[in-house]
Amino acid sequence: MERNLICKMYDFFNHMINPAELTLAQKPKIKRCPVIGLDISMQPKRTKFLSITGIKWYYRYEREIYYQFLSVRLSPESLNKDMKTQFRQIAHSIRNVESNPRNNTRRAINKLLGDKSSLFNNLNLIDKNKLQEAGLK
């Protein structure tokens, strides 16, 4: 504790004496949702997409952002449901944007390769980018 305080004081006085050697502090990178682009720093660190926690935060503190970017993801039927269900459906919609293309491609490739009536192996006919997108090669 004492040593840490002494080091901080030394750094403070060193910056006071030599102001030309000041370095600008690096701004911490803001963690953003890859689908919507909104800040998700209020969520747990391991999250990748805007989750129910973040949606609740935007509803509570940034209502105009909620209505501009998030509420438009609700279907007309779900507008009459309670807020908890709406938050869950918005989060589900955001996750689907990233995962549906990958899952649909994988499902189509597996269906094509699993077809027993095929005379030849169709693996060579499938685009390599599609195989990689599906996570099969």
Protein backbone atom coordinates (compact mmCIF):
# COMPACT_ATOMS: atom_id res chain seq x y z
CA MET A 1 0.00 0.00 0.00
CA GLU A 2 2.72 2.43 1.02
CA ARG A 3 4.91 1.50 -1.93
CA ASN A 4 2.00 1.94 -4.34
CA LEU A 5 1.30 5.40 -2.94
CA ILE A 6 4.97 6.37 -3.24
CA CYS A 7 5.04 5.22 -6.88
CA LYS A 8 1.94 7.27 -7.67
CA MET A 9 3.42 10.34 -6.01
CA TYR A 10 6.67 9.88 -7.93
CA ASP A 11 4.77 9.65 -11.22
CA PHE A 12 2.74 12.75 -10.35
CA PHE A 13 5.83 14.83 -9.52
CA ASN A 14 7.67 13.50 -12.56
CA HIS A 15 4.81 14.66 -14.80
CA MET A 16 4.78 18.05 -13.07
CA ILE A 17 8.50 18.52 -13.64
CA ASN A 18 8.60 17.15 -17.20
CA PRO A 19 5.27 18.02 -18.83
CA ALA A 20 6.68 17.40 -22.34
CA GLU A 21 6.91 13.70 -21.55
CA LEU A 22 3.20 13.42 -20.85
CA THR A 23 1.52 10.67 -22.79
CA LEU A 24 -2.14 10.74 -23.52
CA ALA A 25 -4.05 8.03 -21.75
CA GLN A 26 -5.46 5.43 -24.10
CA LYS A 27 -9.22 5.58 -24.27
CA PRO A 28 -10.73 2.22 -23.43
CA LYS A 29 -12.35 0.62 -26.44
CA ILE A 30 -16.11 0.62 -26.24
CA LYS A 31 -17.53 -2.85 -26.67
CA ARG A 32 -20.25 -2.79 -29.32
CA CYS A 33 -22.84 -5.23 -30.56
CA PRO A 34 -21.78 -6.43 -34.05
CA VAL A 35 -25.37 -6.48 -35.30
CA ILE A 36 -26.74 -3.13 -34.12
CA GLY A 37 -23.55 -1.27 -33.24
CA LEU A 38 -24.79 -0.05 -29.86
CA ASP A 39 -22.57 0.11 -26.78
CA ILE A 40 -22.83 -3.07 -24.66
CA SER A 41 -20.38 -2.10 -21.90
CA MET A 42 -23.19 -2.31 -19.29
CA GLN A 43 -23.42 -6.07 -19.88
CA PRO A 44 -21.14 -8.84 -18.60
CA LYS A 45 -17.73 -8.93 -20.33
CA ARG A 46 -18.26 -12.30 -22.03
CA THR A 47 -21.31 -11.19 -24.03
CA LYS A 48 -21.05 -10.61 -27.76
CA PHE A 49 -24.53 -9.34 -28.64
CA LEU A 50 -26.97 -6.96 -27.00
CA SER A 51 -28.75 -9.09 -24.41
CA ILE A 52 -31.87 -8.66 -22.29
CA THR A 53 -29.79 -6.82 -19.67
CA GLY A 54 -28.61 -4.25 -22.22
CA ILE A 55 -32.08 -3.86 -23.69
CA LYS A 56 -33.49 -3.17 -20.23
CA TRP A 57 -30.74 -0.61 -19.66
CA TYR A 58 -31.55 1.18 -22.92
CA TYR A 59 -35.26 1.10 -22.07
CA ARG A 60 -34.61 2.58 -18.65
CA TYR A 61 -31.93 5.19 -19.46
CA GLU A 62 -31.91 5.81 -23.24
CA ARG A 63 -35.54 5.57 -24.22
CA GLU A 64 -35.12 7.33 -27.59
CA ILE A 65 -32.41 4.84 -28.66
CA TYR A 66 -34.65 2.00 -27.53
CA TYR A 67 -37.53 3.19 -29.70
CA GLN A 68 -35.30 4.09 -32.66
CA PHE A 69 -33.22 0.89 -32.88
CA LEU A 70 -34.71 -1.83 -30.71
CA SER A 71 -38.48 -1.62 -30.67
CA VAL A 72 -38.58 -1.79 -34.49
CA ARG A 73 -37.45 -5.44 -34.16
CA LEU A 74 -40.78 -6.40 -32.57
CA SER A 75 -43.56 -7.95 -34.60
CA PRO A 76 -46.98 -6.27 -34.45
CA GLU A 77 -48.34 -9.18 -32.37
CA SER A 78 -45.64 -8.83 -29.73
CA LEU A 79 -46.31 -5.12 -29.16
CA ASN A 80 -49.28 -6.12 -26.97
CA LYS A 81 -47.22 -8.46 -24.78
CA ASP A 82 -45.54 -7.59 -21.48
CA MET A 83 -42.14 -5.86 -21.45
CA LYS A 84 -40.21 -8.94 -20.31
CA THR A 85 -41.42 -10.88 -23.35
CA GLN A 86 -40.66 -7.94 -25.64
CA PHE A 87 -37.09 -7.66 -24.30
CA ARG A 88 -36.59 -11.40 -24.82
CA GLN A 89 -37.89 -11.24 -28.40
CA ILE A 90 -35.67 -8.26 -29.26
CA ALA A 91 -32.58 -10.07 -27.94
CA HIS A 92 -33.57 -13.21 -29.85
CA SER A 93 -34.00 -11.18 -33.05
CA ILE A 94 -30.52 -9.66 -32.67
CA ARG A 95 -28.87 -13.06 -32.15
CA ASN A 96 -30.73 -14.51 -35.13
CA VAL A 97 -29.28 -11.96 -37.55
CA GLU A 98 -25.81 -13.43 -36.98
CA SER A 99 -26.62 -17.11 -36.51
CA ASN A 100 -29.42 -17.80 -39.01
CA PRO A 101 -27.32 -17.55 -42.21
CA ARG A 102 -24.72 -19.91 -40.77
CA ASN A 103 -27.29 -22.41 -39.48
CA ASN A 104 -29.38 -22.33 -42.65
CA THR A 105 -26.30 -22.94 -44.81
CA ARG A 106 -25.18 -25.82 -42.60
CA ARG A 107 -28.65 -27.36 -42.70
CA ALA A 108 -28.83 -27.09 -46.52
CA ILE A 109 -25.37 -28.63 -46.97
CA ASN A 110 -26.14 -31.50 -44.59
CA LYS A 111 -29.39 -32.13 -46.45
CA LEU A 112 -27.56 -32.19 -49.79
CA LEU A 113 -24.78 -34.47 -48.54
CA GLY A 114 -27.16 -36.75 -46.66
CA ASP A 115 -29.36 -37.39 -49.68
CA LYS A 116 -29.23 -41.18 -50.23
CA SER A 117 -30.69 -40.99 -53.75
CA SER A 118 -27.63 -39.13 -55.04
CA LEU A 119 -25.43 -41.13 -57.38
CA PHE A 120 -22.22 -39.14 -56.72
CA ASN A 121 -20.65 -37.32 -53.80
CA ASN A 122 -21.77 -33.68 -54.02
CA LEU A 123 -19.12 -32.30 -51.65
CA ASN A 124 -16.92 -31.14 -54.55
CA LEU A 125 -19.80 -29.15 -56.01
CA ILE A 126 -20.32 -27.02 -52.89
CA ASP A 127 -18.58 -23.65 -52.77
CA LYS A 128 -15.65 -23.66 -50.32
CA ASN A 129 -16.78 -20.33 -48.84
CA LYS A 130 -20.19 -21.83 -48.04
CA LEU A 131 -18.54 -24.83 -46.36
CA GLN A 132 -16.41 -22.50 -44.28
CA GLU A 133 -19.43 -20.32 -43.40
CA ALA A 134 -21.29 -23.41 -42.23
CA GLY A 135 -18.29 -24.50 -40.16
CA LEU A 136 -17.93 -27.80 -41.97
CA LYS A 137 -14.41 -27.28 -43.36
